[in-house]
Amino acid sequence: MRPRAVVFLGPSLAVEEARAVLDADYRPPARRGDIYRAADEGADVIGLIDGVFFQSCSVAHKEILHALEKGVRVVGASSMGALRAAEMDVFGMEGIGEIYKLYHRGALESDDEVALIFDPLSLQPLSEPLVNIRHKLGLARRERMIDSAMEEALLGIARSLYFPKRTYQRMLEGAKGEIPEDRLESLRIFLEGDLPDLKKEDALQALLHIRQICGARI
């Protein structure tokens, strides 16, 4: 019998795209108690990708321990999952992806790095997570669109924005007067173009990992 996988997914990756990678029981971003319920309902593997942060109570560490103690494999990546995996990998939670690695080695520490707001119905993101802004500004610097001083200035502006209001547009508006207008416009086009989305890439990696787990246990 194929192991049952429950995946908590929201703005990091569209469920339609996720289903093309892994056949699973997809649920909205996890709230306090959701991991308990999934474990007690018989999940063999739980994928924690997205979860709520400040809108309501977030996933508790003890519910992840509860699932692990029941023999459930718990995989975390991308957003809330990456953060919790970095905190709980010593107890057996499995972290996947670049964002997990950044938290694990202490390069990232704050929940604010992956926090965003999303439409409660469509689950589409309505703001940009700081970790993605950081990643794309790094790409812009490597393309020599900005120098390291401009990168730090822009990142500082992005950090100063409250996470629901954190967008590329607001960040660039805050940089007017510090960075030349023509440079800001070319940077806007670059940042809003088809660039790698770190959270999405990590979510896909996690789904592939869960698929491998399920395949190995058939």
Protein backbone atom coordinates (compact mmCIF):
# COMPACT_ATOMS: atom_id res chain seq x y z
CA MET A 1 0.00 0.00 0.00
CA ARG A 2 1.35 3.42 -0.96
CA PRO A 3 2.26 5.58 2.07
CA ARG A 4 -0.06 8.49 2.72
CA ALA A 5 1.52 11.93 2.29
CA VAL A 6 -0.07 15.11 3.67
CA VAL A 7 1.44 18.38 2.44
CA PHE A 8 0.74 21.86 3.81
CA LEU A 9 1.13 24.19 0.86
CA GLY A 10 0.08 27.71 -0.05
CA PRO A 11 1.79 30.69 -1.65
CA SER A 12 5.17 28.99 -2.20
CA LEU A 13 3.81 26.81 -5.03
CA ALA A 14 0.45 26.38 -6.74
CA VAL A 15 -1.28 23.13 -5.80
CA GLU A 16 -1.87 22.36 -9.50
CA GLU A 17 1.89 22.43 -10.09
CA ALA A 18 2.50 20.40 -6.97
CA ARG A 19 0.10 17.63 -8.05
CA ALA A 20 2.10 17.20 -11.25
CA VAL A 21 5.08 16.25 -9.06
CA LEU A 22 3.47 14.38 -6.15
CA ASP A 23 0.08 12.79 -5.58
CA ALA A 24 -0.71 13.83 -2.00
CA ASP A 25 -3.35 15.18 0.34
CA TYR A 26 -2.74 18.92 -0.07
CA ARG A 27 -3.93 21.22 2.70
CA PRO A 28 -3.70 25.00 3.20
CA PRO A 29 -0.84 26.61 5.14
CA ALA A 30 -0.52 24.91 8.52
CA ARG A 31 -1.88 26.47 11.70
CA ARG A 32 -1.39 25.38 15.30
CA GLY A 33 -2.73 21.84 15.69
CA ASP A 34 -2.72 20.87 12.00
CA ILE A 35 0.38 18.68 12.30
CA TYR A 36 -1.16 16.91 15.31
CA ARG A 37 -4.28 16.17 13.28
CA ALA A 38 -2.42 14.93 10.21
CA ALA A 39 -0.31 12.56 12.32
CA ASP A 40 -3.32 11.24 14.25
CA GLU A 41 -5.31 10.78 11.02
CA GLY A 42 -2.71 8.31 9.75
CA ALA A 43 -0.26 10.29 7.62
CA ASP A 44 2.95 8.40 6.92
CA VAL A 45 4.77 11.50 5.63
CA ILE A 46 4.01 15.14 6.41
CA GLY A 47 5.39 17.88 4.18
CA LEU A 48 5.44 21.23 5.95
CA ILE A 49 6.07 23.91 3.36
CA ASP A 50 3.78 26.84 4.16
CA GLY A 51 2.32 27.83 7.50
CA VAL A 52 0.78 30.88 9.09
CA PHE A 53 3.04 33.23 11.03
CA PHE A 54 1.35 36.22 12.57
CA GLN A 55 -2.27 35.83 11.40
CA SER A 56 -2.92 33.12 13.99
CA CYS A 57 -0.96 30.64 16.11
CA SER A 58 1.82 28.99 14.12
CA VAL A 59 2.90 25.34 14.12
CA ALA A 60 4.23 24.33 17.53
CA HIS A 61 7.46 22.41 17.98
CA LYS A 62 5.73 19.86 20.23
CA GLU A 63 3.31 18.83 17.50
CA ILE A 64 6.23 18.06 15.18
CA LEU A 65 7.74 15.98 18.00
CA HIS A 66 4.38 14.24 18.39
CA ALA A 67 4.39 13.27 14.70
CA LEU A 68 8.01 12.09 14.83
CA GLU A 69 7.32 9.99 17.93
CA LYS A 70 4.47 8.29 16.04
CA GLY A 71 6.96 7.28 13.34
CA VAL A 72 5.78 9.88 10.80
CA ARG A 73 8.49 11.33 8.57
CA VAL A 74 8.24 15.12 8.66
CA VAL A 75 9.83 17.08 5.81
CA GLY A 76 10.23 20.86 5.92
CA ALA A 77 11.20 23.34 3.25
CA SER A 78 10.74 26.76 1.69
CA SER A 79 8.91 28.78 4.32
CA MET A 80 7.59 27.78 7.76
CA GLY A 81 8.85 24.29 6.93
CA ALA A 82 12.44 25.48 6.43
CA LEU A 83 12.36 27.44 9.66
CA ARG A 84 10.96 24.57 11.74
CA ALA A 85 13.28 22.02 10.10
CA ALA A 86 16.33 24.08 11.08
CA GLU A 87 15.06 24.08 14.66
CA MET A 88 13.94 20.43 14.74
CA ASP A 89 16.37 18.51 12.53
CA VAL A 90 18.23 17.29 15.61
CA PHE A 91 15.02 15.45 16.55
CA GLY A 92 14.59 13.85 13.12
CA MET A 93 12.71 16.41 11.02
CA GLU A 94 14.13 16.46 7.49
CA GLY A 95 15.09 19.84 6.01
CA ILE A 96 15.27 20.31 2.25
CA GLY A 97 16.47 23.18 0.07
CA GLU A 98 18.56 26.32 0.14
CA ILE A 99 16.39 28.28 2.60
CA TYR A 100 16.58 25.44 5.13
CA LYS A 101 20.37 25.40 4.74
CA LEU A 102 20.56 29.18 5.31
CA TYR A 103 18.57 28.85 8.54
CA HIS A 104 20.52 25.75 9.59
CA ARG A 105 23.90 27.47 9.37
CA GLY A 106 22.65 30.71 10.92
CA ALA A 107 22.85 32.88 7.81
CA LEU A 108 19.13 33.54 8.34
CA GLU A 109 17.53 33.76 11.79
CA SER A 110 14.30 35.75 11.70
CA ASP A 111 10.83 34.43 10.81
CA ASP A 112 10.48 37.70 8.91
CA GLU A 113 12.76 36.38 6.14
CA VAL A 114 10.07 34.04 4.80
CA ALA A 115 6.92 35.81 5.98
CA LEU A 116 4.40 37.23 3.49
CA ILE A 117 0.68 37.75 3.16
CA PHE A 118 -1.49 35.82 0.74
CA ASP A 119 -5.05 35.76 -0.53
CA PRO A 120 -6.98 33.39 1.76
CA LEU A 121 -9.00 31.95 -1.14
CA SER A 122 -6.52 31.70 -4.02
CA LEU A 123 -3.44 31.40 -1.74
CA GLN A 124 -1.64 33.73 -4.16
CA PRO A 125 1.13 35.81 -2.51
CA LEU A 126 0.34 39.50 -2.02
CA SER A 127 3.78 40.55 -0.78
CA GLU A 128 7.35 39.42 -1.40
CA PRO A 129 9.33 37.45 1.19
CA LEU A 130 12.61 39.01 2.21
CA VAL A 131 14.52 35.83 1.38
CA ASN A 132 13.46 36.12 -2.27
CA ILE A 133 14.32 39.84 -2.38
CA ARG A 134 17.74 39.05 -0.91
CA HIS A 135 18.31 36.30 -3.50
CA LYS A 136 17.26 38.42 -6.49
CA LEU A 137 19.29 41.44 -5.40
CA GLY A 138 22.28 39.11 -5.27
CA LEU A 139 21.55 38.05 -8.84
CA ALA A 140 21.31 41.72 -9.87
CA ARG A 141 24.70 42.42 -8.29
CA ARG A 142 26.27 39.46 -10.07
CA GLU A 143 24.85 40.83 -13.34
CA ARG A 144 26.51 44.16 -12.41
CA MET A 145 23.23 46.02 -12.45
CA ILE A 146 24.00 47.25 -8.93
CA ASP A 147 27.10 47.30 -6.76
CA SER A 148 27.40 45.89 -3.24
CA ALA A 149 26.64 49.28 -1.62
CA MET A 150 23.40 49.58 -3.64
CA GLU A 151 22.52 46.00 -2.77
CA GLU A 152 22.90 46.67 0.95
CA ALA A 153 20.93 49.92 0.69
CA LEU A 154 18.05 48.22 -1.10
CA LEU A 155 18.07 45.28 1.29
CA GLY A 156 17.96 47.71 4.21
CA ILE A 157 14.90 49.43 2.72
CA ALA A 158 13.20 46.06 2.18
CA ARG A 159 13.94 45.05 5.79
CA SER A 160 12.43 48.29 7.08
CA LEU A 161 9.09 47.54 5.41
CA TYR A 162 6.49 45.65 7.45
CA PHE A 163 6.19 42.25 5.78
CA PRO A 164 2.60 42.67 4.42
CA LYS A 165 3.78 45.81 2.61
CA ARG A 166 7.04 44.35 1.33
CA THR A 167 7.03 44.54 -2.48
CA TYR A 168 9.64 45.37 -5.11
CA GLN A 169 7.73 48.52 -6.01
CA ARG A 170 7.77 49.87 -2.44
CA MET A 171 11.43 48.95 -2.01
CA LEU A 172 12.41 50.80 -5.20
CA GLU A 173 10.26 53.79 -4.29
CA GLY A 174 12.13 54.00 -1.00
CA ALA A 175 15.43 54.09 -2.89
CA LYS A 176 14.58 57.21 -4.91
CA GLY A 177 17.18 59.87 -4.28
CA GLU A 178 19.76 57.25 -3.25
CA ILE A 179 20.02 55.36 -6.55
CA PRO A 180 19.75 56.98 -10.01
CA GLU A 181 16.25 56.82 -11.58
CA ASP A 182 17.42 55.05 -14.74
CA ARG A 183 19.16 52.38 -12.65
CA LEU A 184 16.00 51.87 -10.58
CA GLU A 185 13.84 51.38 -13.67
CA SER A 186 16.14 48.80 -15.24
CA LEU A 187 16.34 47.06 -11.87
CA ARG A 188 12.53 47.01 -11.57
CA ILE A 189 12.27 45.29 -14.96
CA PHE A 190 14.94 42.78 -13.92
CA LEU A 191 13.40 41.98 -10.52
CA GLU A 192 9.89 41.59 -11.90
CA GLY A 193 11.11 39.36 -14.75
CA ASP A 194 11.37 35.59 -14.95
CA LEU A 195 13.93 34.99 -12.23
CA PRO A 196 14.34 31.93 -10.01
CA ASP A 197 11.94 31.91 -7.06
CA LEU A 198 13.88 30.44 -4.15
CA LYS A 199 10.80 29.45 -2.16
CA LYS A 200 9.18 27.76 -5.15
CA GLU A 201 12.36 25.87 -6.05
CA ASP A 202 12.73 24.60 -2.49
CA ALA A 203 9.07 23.53 -2.38
CA LEU A 204 9.57 21.50 -5.56
CA GLN A 205 12.68 19.87 -4.09
CA ALA A 206 10.70 18.89 -1.01
CA LEU A 207 7.95 17.31 -3.09
CA LEU A 208 10.50 15.30 -5.05
CA HIS A 209 12.04 14.14 -1.76
CA ILE A 210 8.63 13.08 -0.43
CA ARG A 211 7.90 11.26 -3.69
CA GLN A 212 11.16 9.35 -3.26
CA ILE A 213 10.22 8.46 0.33
CA CYS A 214 6.82 7.20 -0.76
CA GLY A 215 8.29 5.26 -3.66
CA ALA A 216 10.85 3.61 -1.40
CA ARG A 217 8.13 2.47 1.02
CA ILE A 218 5.60 1.05 -1.46
